[in-house]
Protein backbone atom coordinates (compact mmCIF):
# COMPACT_ATOMS: atom_id res chain seq x y z
CA MET A 1 19.33 -149.95 139.24
CA LYS A 2 22.71 -149.89 137.25
CA CYS A 3 23.30 -153.40 138.42
CA LYS A 4 19.82 -154.33 136.88
CA LYS A 5 20.84 -152.50 133.46
CA LEU A 6 23.96 -154.55 133.71
CA THR A 7 22.47 -158.02 134.25
CA ALA A 8 20.13 -157.37 131.41
CA LEU A 9 22.87 -156.85 129.18
CA LEU A 10 25.09 -159.52 130.13
CA LEU A 11 21.89 -161.62 129.71
CA THR A 12 21.39 -160.03 125.96
CA ALA A 13 25.01 -160.68 125.47
CA ALA A 14 24.67 -164.71 126.48
CA MET A 15 22.03 -165.19 123.82
CA THR A 16 24.08 -163.29 120.96
CA ALA A 17 25.99 -165.90 118.75
CA SER A 18 28.32 -163.35 117.49
CA VAL A 19 31.40 -162.97 119.76
CA LEU A 20 33.47 -159.72 118.82
CA ALA A 21 37.40 -160.39 118.08
CA GLY A 22 40.37 -158.29 118.06
CA CYS A 23 40.40 -156.71 121.56
CA GLY A 24 43.93 -156.22 122.85
CA GLY A 25 45.83 -157.25 119.85
CA ASP A 26 49.34 -158.01 119.44
CA SER A 27 52.09 -156.35 117.58
CA ALA A 28 51.84 -156.93 113.60
CA GLY A 29 54.17 -157.07 111.04
CA ASP A 30 55.60 -153.86 109.08
CA ALA A 31 55.46 -153.15 105.65
CA GLY A 32 57.16 -151.20 103.08
CA THR A 33 54.91 -147.94 102.14
CA SER A 34 55.27 -144.68 100.76
CA ASN A 35 55.92 -141.68 102.92
CA THR A 36 54.95 -138.21 102.86
CA ASP A 37 57.76 -137.52 100.33
CA GLY A 38 57.10 -140.41 98.35
CA GLY A 39 60.12 -142.58 99.75
CA SER A 40 59.83 -145.94 101.13
CA ASN A 41 58.75 -146.58 104.84
CA GLU A 42 62.22 -147.70 105.50
CA GLU A 43 63.28 -144.13 104.62
CA ALA A 44 60.85 -142.90 106.95
CA ALA A 45 61.85 -144.45 110.07
CA SER A 46 65.33 -143.37 109.68
CA GLY A 47 63.91 -139.68 109.48
CA GLU A 48 63.86 -137.33 111.74
CA ASP A 49 61.27 -139.66 113.50
CA GLY A 50 63.19 -142.10 113.75
CA ASN A 51 62.57 -146.15 114.21
CA LYS A 52 60.05 -146.34 116.55
CA ASP A 53 58.68 -149.47 118.12
CA ILE A 54 55.27 -149.80 117.55
CA ILE A 55 52.36 -150.49 119.76
CA ASP A 56 49.56 -151.83 118.46
CA PHE A 57 46.08 -150.79 119.69
CA SER A 58 42.70 -152.24 119.16
CA MET A 59 39.17 -150.24 118.37
CA PHE A 60 35.63 -151.28 118.04
CA ILE A 61 33.43 -148.69 116.77
CA ALA A 62 30.24 -149.53 117.28
CA MET A 63 28.81 -148.42 113.23
CA PRO A 64 29.41 -150.00 110.30
CA GLY A 65 32.51 -149.09 108.36
CA PRO A 66 34.96 -149.97 105.57
CA GLU A 67 37.73 -152.32 106.78
CA ILE A 68 41.59 -151.57 105.47
CA ASN A 69 44.35 -153.86 104.50
CA ASP A 70 46.63 -155.34 107.14
CA GLY A 71 49.96 -153.11 105.81
CA ASN A 72 48.07 -150.38 104.87
CA GLU A 73 50.34 -147.82 103.59
CA ILE A 74 49.12 -144.71 105.27
CA GLN A 75 48.75 -146.47 108.85
CA GLU A 76 51.93 -147.73 108.39
CA ILE A 77 53.55 -144.24 107.71
CA ILE A 78 51.42 -142.55 110.84
CA ALA A 79 52.87 -145.98 113.12
CA GLN A 80 56.45 -144.86 112.22
CA LYS A 81 55.37 -141.42 113.42
CA THR A 82 53.58 -141.76 116.25
CA GLY A 83 54.72 -145.11 117.21
CA VAL A 84 51.18 -146.47 117.36
CA ARG A 85 48.77 -148.52 115.06
CA VAL A 86 45.33 -148.83 115.59
CA LYS A 87 43.57 -152.27 114.43
CA GLU A 88 39.58 -150.99 113.86
CA THR A 89 36.83 -153.27 114.21
CA TRP A 90 33.47 -152.17 112.87
CA LEU A 91 29.82 -153.40 114.10
CA THR A 92 28.70 -156.31 111.69
CA GLY A 93 25.38 -158.15 111.88
CA GLN A 94 24.19 -156.76 115.69
CA THR A 95 23.00 -153.32 117.07
CA ALA A 96 25.28 -151.40 119.11
CA ALA A 97 23.59 -152.61 122.37
CA GLU A 98 24.11 -156.18 121.46
CA ALA A 99 27.89 -155.83 120.51
CA VAL A 100 28.33 -153.45 123.67
CA GLY A 101 26.60 -156.32 125.78
CA THR A 102 28.88 -158.93 124.12
CA ILE A 103 31.99 -157.09 125.08
CA ILE A 104 31.04 -156.54 128.45
CA ALA A 105 29.95 -160.06 129.21
CA GLY A 106 33.50 -161.18 127.97
CA GLY A 107 34.99 -158.80 130.38
CA GLU A 108 38.12 -158.05 128.11
CA TYR A 109 37.71 -154.61 125.95
CA PRO A 110 39.46 -153.09 123.10
CA ASP A 111 42.00 -150.40 123.82
CA PHE A 112 39.90 -147.69 122.30
CA ILE A 113 35.82 -147.98 122.07
CA ASP A 114 33.22 -146.03 120.72
CA GLY A 115 29.94 -147.82 122.20
CA GLY A 116 27.43 -145.46 119.94
CA ASP A 117 23.93 -146.29 121.62
CA GLY A 118 25.78 -148.65 124.27
CA GLN A 119 27.94 -145.89 125.58
CA MET A 120 26.06 -145.84 128.88
CA ALA A 121 26.42 -149.13 129.48
CA LEU A 122 30.21 -149.38 129.12
CA TYR A 123 30.51 -146.31 131.58
CA ASP A 124 27.92 -148.22 134.12
CA ALA A 125 30.11 -151.48 133.84
CA GLY A 126 33.37 -149.53 135.10
CA ALA A 127 35.07 -150.17 131.71
CA LEU A 128 36.35 -146.72 130.82
CA VAL A 129 39.66 -144.65 131.89
CA ALA A 130 38.88 -141.17 133.00
CA TRP A 131 40.09 -138.24 130.81
CA ASP A 132 40.57 -135.67 133.30
CA ASP A 133 44.56 -135.97 134.41
CA TYR A 134 45.34 -136.76 130.84
CA LEU A 135 43.65 -133.56 129.15
CA GLU A 136 46.20 -131.81 131.28
CA LYS A 137 49.19 -133.25 129.83
CA HIS A 138 48.09 -133.16 125.90
CA PRO A 139 47.21 -129.35 124.94
CA LYS A 140 45.85 -130.73 121.34
CA LEU A 141 43.62 -132.73 122.92
CA LYS A 142 42.46 -130.42 125.45
CA GLU A 143 41.90 -127.44 122.73
CA MET A 144 39.08 -129.30 121.22
CA TYR A 145 36.99 -127.94 123.32
CA SER A 146 36.31 -125.10 125.89
CA ASP A 147 36.26 -125.70 129.48
CA GLU A 148 32.60 -125.42 129.55
CA GLU A 149 32.50 -127.59 126.99
CA TRP A 150 34.40 -130.55 128.41
CA ASP A 151 32.38 -129.96 131.68
CA ARG A 152 29.25 -131.21 129.65
CA PHE A 153 30.66 -134.66 128.96
CA ARG A 154 31.13 -134.97 132.55
CA GLN A 155 28.93 -138.16 133.77
CA GLU A 156 27.55 -138.69 137.35
CA ASP A 157 30.92 -139.13 139.12
CA GLY A 158 32.12 -135.69 137.48
CA LYS A 159 34.53 -137.05 135.35
CA ILE A 160 34.94 -137.11 131.45
CA TYR A 161 35.21 -140.42 129.86
CA TRP A 162 34.77 -139.96 126.21
CA ALA A 163 34.58 -137.05 123.73
CA ASN A 164 32.48 -136.83 120.27
CA ILE A 165 34.90 -136.03 117.37
CA PHE A 166 32.57 -135.30 114.85
CA GLN A 167 31.51 -131.55 113.59
CA ASN A 168 34.41 -129.69 115.60
CA THR A 169 35.75 -126.31 113.95
CA TYR A 170 38.87 -125.04 113.74
CA GLY A 171 39.81 -121.52 112.76
CA GLU A 172 37.40 -120.45 110.08
CA SER A 173 34.74 -122.55 109.00
CA LYS A 174 35.00 -123.82 105.58
CA ALA A 175 32.12 -125.81 105.03
CA THR A 176 30.81 -126.73 101.62
CA THR A 177 28.85 -129.57 102.26
CA HIS A 178 25.12 -130.41 104.31
CA ASN A 179 26.18 -132.90 106.45
CA ASP A 180 23.08 -133.15 108.00
CA GLU A 181 19.25 -134.57 106.94
CA ALA A 182 17.79 -133.38 103.98
CA PHE A 183 15.33 -134.63 100.99
CA TRP A 184 17.68 -135.52 98.46
CA ILE A 185 17.14 -135.31 94.73
CA GLN A 186 19.45 -136.13 91.80
CA ALA A 187 21.02 -133.11 89.98
CA ARG A 188 19.49 -134.61 86.40
CA VAL A 189 15.98 -134.55 87.80
CA LEU A 190 16.32 -130.90 88.23
CA ALA A 191 17.96 -130.03 85.02
CA TRP A 192 14.97 -131.83 83.19
CA ASP A 193 12.29 -129.74 84.72
CA ASN A 194 14.85 -126.57 83.87
CA TYR A 195 16.02 -126.53 87.43
CA PRO A 196 12.32 -125.42 89.12
CA GLU A 197 12.34 -123.90 92.49
CA ILE A 198 11.17 -126.88 94.64
CA LYS A 199 9.98 -125.78 98.44
CA THR A 200 7.50 -128.07 99.51
CA LEU A 201 7.07 -131.88 100.27
CA ASP A 202 4.09 -131.90 97.48
CA GLN A 203 6.67 -130.16 94.92
CA TYR A 204 8.99 -132.72 95.58
CA PHE A 205 7.17 -135.69 94.90
CA ASP A 206 5.17 -134.11 92.19
CA LEU A 207 8.31 -133.59 90.06
CA LEU A 208 9.72 -137.07 91.15
CA GLU A 209 6.27 -138.69 89.70
CA ARG A 210 6.72 -136.64 86.67
CA TYR A 211 10.38 -137.32 85.71
CA ALA A 212 9.86 -141.19 86.76
CA ALA A 213 6.94 -141.55 84.14
CA ALA A 214 9.03 -139.70 81.08
CA ASN A 215 12.19 -141.36 82.06
CA PRO A 216 11.26 -145.10 83.50
CA THR A 217 14.65 -146.49 82.93
CA MET A 218 18.02 -146.28 83.12
CA GLU A 219 20.50 -146.32 79.77
CA ASP A 220 20.91 -149.76 80.63
CA GLY A 221 17.22 -150.75 80.85
CA SER A 222 16.91 -151.25 84.67
CA GLU A 223 13.96 -149.48 85.99
CA VAL A 224 14.06 -145.96 88.09
CA ILE A 225 13.17 -146.25 91.61
CA PRO A 226 11.36 -142.58 92.25
CA TYR A 227 12.02 -142.67 96.10
CA THR A 228 13.19 -145.01 98.91
CA ILE A 229 13.23 -145.17 102.24
CA LEU A 230 15.60 -146.59 105.03
CA CYS A 231 14.12 -148.29 108.13
CA GLU A 232 16.72 -150.70 109.48
CA ASP A 233 17.87 -150.58 113.10
CA TRP A 234 18.93 -147.17 114.41
CA ARG A 235 18.93 -145.66 110.85
CA TYR A 236 15.11 -145.32 110.72
CA PHE A 237 15.41 -141.64 111.44
CA CYS A 238 15.38 -141.82 107.51
CA ILE A 239 11.45 -142.57 107.91
CA GLU A 240 11.09 -141.33 111.54
CA ASN A 241 11.83 -137.82 112.16
CA ALA A 242 11.01 -135.55 108.76
CA GLY A 243 8.12 -134.02 110.65
CA GLN A 244 10.00 -131.97 112.89
CA PHE A 245 12.15 -130.50 109.48
CA LEU A 246 8.88 -130.08 107.36
CA ALA A 247 7.47 -128.04 110.37
CA GLY A 248 10.55 -125.44 110.14
CA TYR A 249 12.45 -126.73 113.39
CA PRO A 250 15.92 -127.69 114.06
CA ASN A 251 17.56 -131.22 114.21
CA ASP A 252 17.15 -131.68 118.14
CA GLY A 253 16.42 -135.19 117.05
CA SER A 254 13.64 -136.46 119.31
CA VAL A 255 11.58 -133.71 120.33
CA ILE A 256 10.85 -130.37 119.11
CA VAL A 257 11.94 -127.13 121.38
CA ASN A 258 9.50 -124.25 121.14
CA THR A 259 11.68 -121.31 121.79
CA GLU A 260 8.43 -119.11 122.10
CA THR A 261 7.02 -120.97 124.94
CA MET A 262 10.67 -122.84 125.96
CA LYS A 263 8.23 -125.89 125.88
CA ILE A 264 8.86 -129.81 124.79
CA GLU A 265 6.45 -130.75 121.99
CA ASP A 266 6.21 -134.33 120.11
CA TYR A 267 6.43 -134.02 116.73
CA ASN A 268 5.69 -137.88 116.43
CA THR A 269 1.85 -136.59 116.91
CA SER A 270 1.98 -133.13 115.35
CA GLU A 271 -0.41 -132.47 112.10
CA THR A 272 2.83 -131.66 110.03
CA THR A 273 4.05 -135.53 110.93
CA HIS A 274 0.42 -136.64 110.24
CA ARG A 275 0.16 -134.92 106.74
CA TYR A 276 3.94 -136.21 105.92
CA PHE A 277 3.13 -139.75 106.59
CA GLN A 278 -0.17 -139.61 104.70
CA LYS A 279 1.82 -138.21 101.51
CA LEU A 280 4.01 -141.48 101.95
CA ASN A 281 1.10 -143.42 101.65
CA GLU A 282 -0.44 -141.94 98.74
CA GLU A 283 2.98 -142.25 96.81
CA TYR A 284 3.10 -145.62 98.03
CA GLN A 285 0.02 -146.47 96.50
CA LYS A 286 0.64 -144.94 93.49
CA GLY A 287 4.23 -146.79 92.88
CA ILE A 288 6.41 -144.03 93.66
CA VAL A 289 8.14 -145.25 96.93
CA ASP A 290 10.05 -148.44 96.61
CA HIS A 291 7.99 -151.77 97.44
CA GLU A 292 10.96 -152.58 99.06
CA PHE A 293 11.44 -150.26 101.42
CA ALA A 294 10.44 -151.89 104.62
CA THR A 295 12.63 -154.95 104.24
CA GLN A 296 15.93 -153.60 102.90
CA THR A 297 19.02 -153.74 104.84
CA TYR A 298 21.93 -150.80 104.90
CA ASP A 299 23.84 -152.58 102.52
CA GLU A 300 21.02 -153.31 100.19
CA TYR A 301 19.76 -149.72 100.25
CA ILE A 302 23.40 -148.50 99.67
CA ALA A 303 23.73 -150.48 96.77
CA LYS A 304 20.69 -149.53 95.09
CA LEU A 305 21.47 -146.00 95.54
CA SER A 306 24.67 -146.66 94.24
CA THR A 307 22.92 -147.73 90.77
CA GLY A 308 22.22 -144.44 90.31
CA ARG A 309 18.30 -145.45 89.84
CA VAL A 310 16.98 -144.14 92.64
CA LEU A 311 15.93 -140.39 92.11
CA GLY A 312 15.52 -139.59 95.42
CA MET A 313 15.26 -140.37 99.38
CA CYS A 314 15.37 -138.75 102.79
CA ASP A 315 18.53 -139.33 104.79
CA GLN A 316 21.65 -138.08 106.46
CA TRP A 317 24.61 -137.03 103.84
CA TRP A 318 27.26 -138.90 106.10
CA ASP A 319 24.85 -141.85 106.01
CA PHE A 320 25.51 -142.42 102.35
CA TYR A 321 27.72 -139.98 100.32
CA GLY A 322 31.48 -141.70 101.42
CA THR A 323 30.49 -144.78 99.37
CA VAL A 324 27.76 -143.81 96.95
CA ASN A 325 29.53 -140.67 95.94
CA ASP A 326 33.08 -142.78 95.11
CA VAL A 327 30.65 -145.33 92.98
CA PHE A 328 29.27 -142.58 90.91
CA LYS A 329 32.71 -141.05 89.98
CA GLN A 330 34.04 -144.56 89.28
CA GLN A 331 31.36 -145.51 86.90
CA GLY A 332 30.86 -142.26 85.48
CA LEU A 333 27.46 -141.89 86.92
CA ASP A 334 28.16 -138.58 88.12
CA LEU A 335 28.63 -137.35 84.66
CA GLU A 336 25.16 -138.28 84.03
CA GLY A 337 23.77 -136.25 86.94
CA CYS A 338 23.04 -139.14 89.25
CA ASN A 339 24.54 -137.17 92.30
CA TYR A 340 22.41 -135.95 95.16
CA VAL A 341 21.65 -132.23 96.43
CA PRO A 342 19.87 -131.49 99.32
CA LEU A 343 16.35 -129.41 99.44
CA GLY A 344 15.04 -127.86 102.36
CA LEU A 345 11.70 -129.16 102.06
CA THR A 346 8.95 -127.64 104.21
CA ILE A 347 5.06 -129.22 104.48
CA ASP A 348 3.85 -125.57 103.18
CA GLU A 349 5.35 -122.88 100.99
CA GLY A 350 6.47 -119.76 102.88
CA MET A 351 8.13 -121.52 105.52
CA GLU A 352 11.47 -121.16 106.97
CA ASN A 353 13.42 -124.27 106.85
CA MET A 354 16.09 -125.55 109.38
CA TRP A 355 17.55 -128.42 107.96
CA HIS A 356 21.19 -126.89 108.06
CA THR A 357 22.77 -126.82 111.21
CA TYR A 358 25.13 -123.91 111.22
CA GLY A 359 28.32 -124.04 113.59
CA ASP A 360 29.50 -126.86 116.09
CA THR A 361 27.14 -129.48 117.44
CA GLN A 362 28.35 -131.11 120.29
CA ASN A 363 27.15 -134.31 120.76
CA LEU A 364 27.35 -135.60 124.11
CA ALA A 365 25.74 -139.15 124.17
CA ASN A 366 29.42 -141.16 122.67
CA GLY A 367 32.79 -140.59 121.53
CA VAL A 368 35.79 -142.21 121.46
CA ALA A 369 37.06 -143.93 124.88
CA VAL A 370 39.76 -145.30 126.39
CA THR A 371 38.95 -148.79 128.13
CA THR A 372 40.22 -150.19 131.56
CA SER A 373 41.60 -153.67 129.17
CA CYS A 374 44.08 -150.85 127.54
CA LYS A 375 47.64 -151.95 127.45
CA ASP A 376 49.19 -148.52 127.63
CA VAL A 377 46.92 -145.98 128.75
CA ASP A 378 49.47 -143.42 128.33
CA ALA A 379 50.35 -143.97 124.83
CA ALA A 380 46.90 -144.41 124.10
CA PHE A 381 46.16 -140.84 125.16
CA GLN A 382 49.42 -139.61 123.61
CA PHE A 383 48.27 -140.98 120.18
CA LEU A 384 44.22 -139.15 120.66
CA GLU A 385 46.65 -135.93 120.77
CA ASP A 386 48.98 -137.23 117.85
CA CYS A 387 45.97 -137.40 115.62
CA LEU A 388 45.38 -133.75 115.88
CA ASP A 389 49.03 -133.01 114.78
CA GLN A 390 48.51 -131.34 111.55
CA GLU A 391 50.76 -133.58 109.85
CA ILE A 392 49.19 -136.81 111.01
CA HIS A 393 45.79 -134.81 110.27
CA ASP A 394 47.39 -134.23 106.58
CA LEU A 395 48.03 -137.84 106.29
CA ARG A 396 44.90 -139.20 107.09
CA PHE A 397 42.46 -136.84 105.14
CA TRP A 398 44.70 -135.48 102.34
CA GLY A 399 46.98 -138.32 102.10
CA VAL A 400 50.36 -138.65 100.91
CA LYS A 401 51.95 -135.15 99.47
CA ASP A 402 52.78 -135.53 95.35
CA VAL A 403 50.65 -138.98 95.26
CA ASP A 404 47.36 -138.21 96.96
CA TYR A 405 47.66 -134.26 96.25
CA GLN A 406 49.97 -131.45 95.25
CA VAL A 407 50.90 -128.12 96.73
CA ASP A 408 50.88 -124.89 94.50
CA GLU A 409 53.52 -122.26 94.87
CA ASP A 410 51.19 -120.51 97.41
CA GLY A 411 51.16 -123.17 99.77
CA LEU A 412 47.74 -124.27 98.47
CA TYR A 413 46.44 -127.91 98.20
CA TYR A 414 45.08 -129.44 95.25
CA ARG A 415 44.42 -132.79 93.34
CA THR A 416 44.79 -133.71 90.02
CA GLU A 417 41.82 -135.43 88.59
CA GLU A 418 43.83 -138.39 88.38
CA GLN A 419 44.28 -138.45 92.16
CA ARG A 420 40.69 -137.49 92.74
CA MET A 421 39.74 -140.93 90.93
CA GLN A 422 42.51 -143.17 92.66
CA TRP A 423 41.20 -141.57 95.93
CA ALA A 424 37.80 -142.74 95.30
CA ASN A 425 38.66 -146.18 94.17
CA LYS A 426 37.60 -148.66 96.68
CA GLU A 427 40.99 -151.24 96.40
CA TYR A 428 43.02 -148.04 96.87
CA GLN A 429 41.28 -147.03 99.84
CA ALA A 430 41.92 -150.42 101.37
CA SER A 431 45.53 -150.66 101.01
CA HIS A 432 46.40 -146.97 100.88
CA ARG A 433 44.15 -144.91 102.82
CA CYS A 434 43.87 -144.53 106.56
CA VAL A 435 41.38 -142.16 108.29
CA TYR A 436 40.98 -142.96 111.65
CA SER A 437 37.41 -141.74 111.28
CA TYR A 438 36.43 -142.04 114.81
CA MET A 439 39.29 -140.31 116.05
CA PRO A 440 40.00 -136.80 117.10
CA GLN A 441 40.05 -134.74 113.95
CA TYR A 442 38.78 -131.02 112.90
CA ARG A 443 36.57 -129.40 110.05
CA GLY A 444 37.63 -126.18 109.41
CA THR A 445 41.10 -124.47 108.60
CA SER A 446 44.30 -126.16 108.36
CA ARG A 447 47.06 -124.59 111.23
CA ASP A 448 48.72 -123.08 108.38
CA GLY A 449 45.87 -120.58 108.25
CA LYS A 450 45.40 -121.43 104.82
CA ASN A 451 44.27 -125.02 103.73
CA ALA A 452 41.01 -126.71 104.81
CA MET A 453 41.35 -129.50 107.40
CA ASN A 454 39.45 -131.58 104.80
CA PRO A 455 39.66 -131.95 101.02
CA GLU A 456 36.04 -131.37 100.64
CA GLU A 457 35.98 -127.97 102.21
CA GLN A 458 39.28 -126.86 100.35
CA THR A 459 37.25 -124.27 97.89
CA SER A 460 39.33 -125.07 94.97
CA GLU A 461 39.09 -128.81 95.43
CA PHE A 462 35.67 -128.73 95.94
CA PHE A 463 34.64 -126.94 92.73
CA SER A 464 37.10 -129.24 90.54
CA SER A 465 35.97 -132.15 92.19
CA LEU A 466 32.36 -131.34 91.38
CA ALA A 467 30.81 -132.98 88.08
CA GLN A 468 29.65 -130.82 85.70
CA PRO A 469 25.91 -131.81 86.18
CA LEU A 470 26.17 -130.45 89.72
CA VAL A 471 28.25 -127.25 88.46
CA ASP A 472 25.17 -126.46 86.18
CA CYS A 473 22.77 -127.03 89.00
CA PHE A 474 24.44 -124.79 91.50
CA ASN A 475 24.68 -122.03 88.91
CA ALA A 476 21.70 -122.39 87.82
CA TYR A 477 20.11 -121.73 91.37
CA GLY A 478 22.88 -119.21 92.01
CA VAL A 479 24.77 -121.16 95.00
CA THR A 480 28.33 -121.99 95.18
CA THR A 481 27.56 -125.07 98.09
CA TYR A 482 25.55 -127.83 99.04
CA VAL A 483 24.90 -125.22 102.41
CA GLU A 484 23.75 -122.49 100.03
CA MET A 485 21.43 -124.93 98.13
CA ILE A 486 19.37 -126.16 100.91
CA GLY A 487 18.60 -122.63 101.94
CA SER A 488 18.22 -122.91 105.89
CA VAL A 489 17.79 -119.89 107.80
CA GLU A 490 20.69 -119.26 110.33
CA LYS A 491 19.39 -118.98 114.08
CA GLU A 492 20.70 -119.21 117.41
CA THR A 493 19.89 -123.06 118.23
CA GLY A 494 20.51 -122.21 121.97
CA PRO A 495 22.48 -123.73 124.73
CA TRP A 496 20.15 -126.80 125.06
CA PHE A 497 20.75 -127.80 121.27
CA PRO A 498 20.87 -130.77 120.35
CA MET A 499 18.49 -132.64 122.44
CA TYR A 500 19.48 -135.79 121.29
CA SER A 501 22.43 -135.61 123.15
CA PHE A 502 20.09 -136.40 125.95
CA SER A 503 17.72 -138.48 124.91
CA ASN A 504 20.26 -140.98 123.06
CA ASN A 505 21.78 -141.81 126.72
CA MET A 506 18.36 -142.81 128.33
CA THR A 507 18.34 -145.99 129.64
CA THR A 508 15.13 -147.98 131.13
CA GLU A 509 16.00 -146.95 134.96
CA THR A 510 13.61 -144.14 134.74
CA PRO A 511 10.02 -144.05 133.50
CA GLY A 512 10.93 -141.55 130.61
CA GLY A 513 13.69 -143.92 129.62
CA VAL A 514 11.01 -146.80 129.70
CA ALA A 515 8.82 -144.81 127.40
CA TRP A 516 11.47 -143.73 124.87
CA THR A 517 12.46 -147.71 124.38
CA LYS A 518 8.83 -148.65 123.89
CA MET A 519 7.80 -145.46 121.56
CA GLY A 520 11.05 -146.63 119.46
CA GLU A 521 10.02 -150.09 119.09
CA VAL A 522 6.14 -149.00 118.27
CA LYS A 523 7.47 -146.89 115.58
CA HIS A 524 9.83 -148.88 114.01
CA GLU A 525 6.83 -151.87 113.84
CA TRP A 526 4.13 -149.45 112.79
CA LEU A 527 5.80 -146.72 110.69
CA PRO A 528 6.14 -148.92 107.62
CA LYS A 529 2.80 -150.35 108.15
CA VAL A 530 1.23 -146.60 107.99
CA VAL A 531 3.24 -146.09 105.08
CA MET A 532 2.27 -149.19 103.17
CA SER A 533 -1.61 -149.16 104.42
CA ASP A 534 -4.40 -149.85 102.09
CA SER A 535 -6.73 -147.90 104.78
CA PHE A 536 -4.50 -145.06 105.62
CA ASP A 537 -6.66 -143.27 108.54
CA SER A 538 -7.43 -146.59 110.37
CA THR A 539 -3.73 -147.56 110.37
CA TRP A 540 -2.62 -144.17 111.33
CA SER A 541 -5.53 -144.34 114.26
CA ASP A 542 -4.32 -148.20 115.22
CA TYR A 543 -0.63 -146.76 115.40
CA MET A 544 -1.71 -143.59 117.58
CA THR A 545 -3.23 -145.87 119.88
CA ALA A 546 -0.01 -148.29 120.26
CA TYR A 547 2.06 -145.25 120.50
CA GLU A 548 -0.32 -143.47 123.35
CA GLY A 549 0.31 -146.90 125.31
CA CYS A 550 3.79 -146.10 125.56
CA ALA A 551 3.30 -143.34 127.70
CA PRO A 552 4.82 -140.73 125.88
CA GLU A 553 4.38 -138.18 128.36
CA ASP A 554 6.58 -139.33 130.66
CA PHE A 555 9.36 -138.88 128.09
CA LEU A 556 8.47 -135.87 127.26
CA ALA A 557 8.26 -134.77 130.79
CA GLU A 558 12.25 -135.63 131.07
CA MET A 559 12.99 -134.14 127.92
CA GLN A 560 11.36 -130.96 129.50
CA THR A 561 13.50 -131.32 132.74
CA GLU A 562 16.46 -131.59 130.70
CA LEU A 563 15.37 -128.77 128.94
CA ASP A 564 15.12 -126.34 131.86
CA ARG A 565 18.30 -127.31 133.09
CA ARG A 566 19.89 -126.75 129.78
CA ALA A 567 18.32 -123.47 129.58
CA SER A 568 18.99 -122.50 133.33
CA LEU A 569 22.96 -122.88 133.12
CA ALA A 570 23.14 -119.91 130.16
CA GLN A 571 21.00 -117.39 132.49
């Protein structure tokens, strides 16, 4: 069956025009940069680290992302300290599966890879190096997870081939942001209505309608967009899965787990989901939902948000904030109240919401991997280890001391307003910042026991970086963080959570995987139609007929088997 899958991928790759470059690149020239004490790169090289022969590795990440300049200053400092420089290549113009298929067809891989939805295809192709022996040699890398957690990454052959590096806390949690999905609304909209309590979907759209009627344009005369939706490719979660949250369930992604019955339930056909799409349809007919939503690309969506015209949307924080918030800061739109805050909406009032996931979420479906084409596997794993060294971690996320941040007399890191503005500047990011965002990393508390691993979680820095409209909004609701703003109830999610870590790796080798693929195709086609239809009931009926034709029962049965397996391991 794996051969069949691989053949299909190779055929897909043969028809794909775009060919990814940069696999296994050669060395690039060094550039003079600033070191952590503000000196030159040459000074850094002659310090305790000494001059190093730099190994140039390549990495492909099956996600769109920002390119940094050759000679990027922090990248060069890290290269001098670790002996490694990594050229990152990002997904452009393809799906993750198409891009990975192209790489497999070529037979030559980058040194590092995160294949996203195509990760299992890389494993099936024998393209990845097992981690098991290397974990024993690298204690910081092994420390990322407990033995039990590492075991969850094991594949059919019993070995570990990747690690997902997100939502991993070191020490004490310092979470200030809601990194997950929510219905978002601009702070200025809440201020306009004297900060009302918005608990339900109906209340949310009622406020958007009233605000847009009273404030139809921006200061420059451009029309506001009360609500937009992203539907493109895998990001169609922005339209597709709100039903599970509105019903009060956490982000299992592809299904609902009823913890009372321990049964898998399908949110796609639930009454809550039906009401959610009926509401979107009503708002579309009123002109509240962006009439361009069904065809806009991700780039167009982000550009639209960045104008400040969009009052609200449903999305994951990580999907928009990095670009949009920086643009707001650069253009002064943050001072106008255009920043978004999350609302933990439910379908009816009086329900608990679980939009926010407390604690770490271990996504097993994909992560950073070393490939069999890697020119120096030992050095590659050493670099993964070095990424967790506190000095390197600080360079990645805080930057250069006395250039990007200061240290007070108590040893606490902070930024001046000038440094915050500089850090948000796109040109500065390309020339100076090097986050290596898909390499091992931590949230939580620094190894010094004082500072946050990430600036946005440093309490003083978090508050200092908030524009006044956000401060006013938090004060009005009596909260101090985005996490408190969304107001999710804290409940144990169970050892099976999240179930999407299983469904994301489903293949067409099983009936459930076939159904899962067809379900996605049908939802991609029909959900925008449902929202835009002049006859919601009949279009919803047609959609349900098409959906039932996918045999979702096969998918649900395999998800139930996996739920039972995961639950049994905890007994």
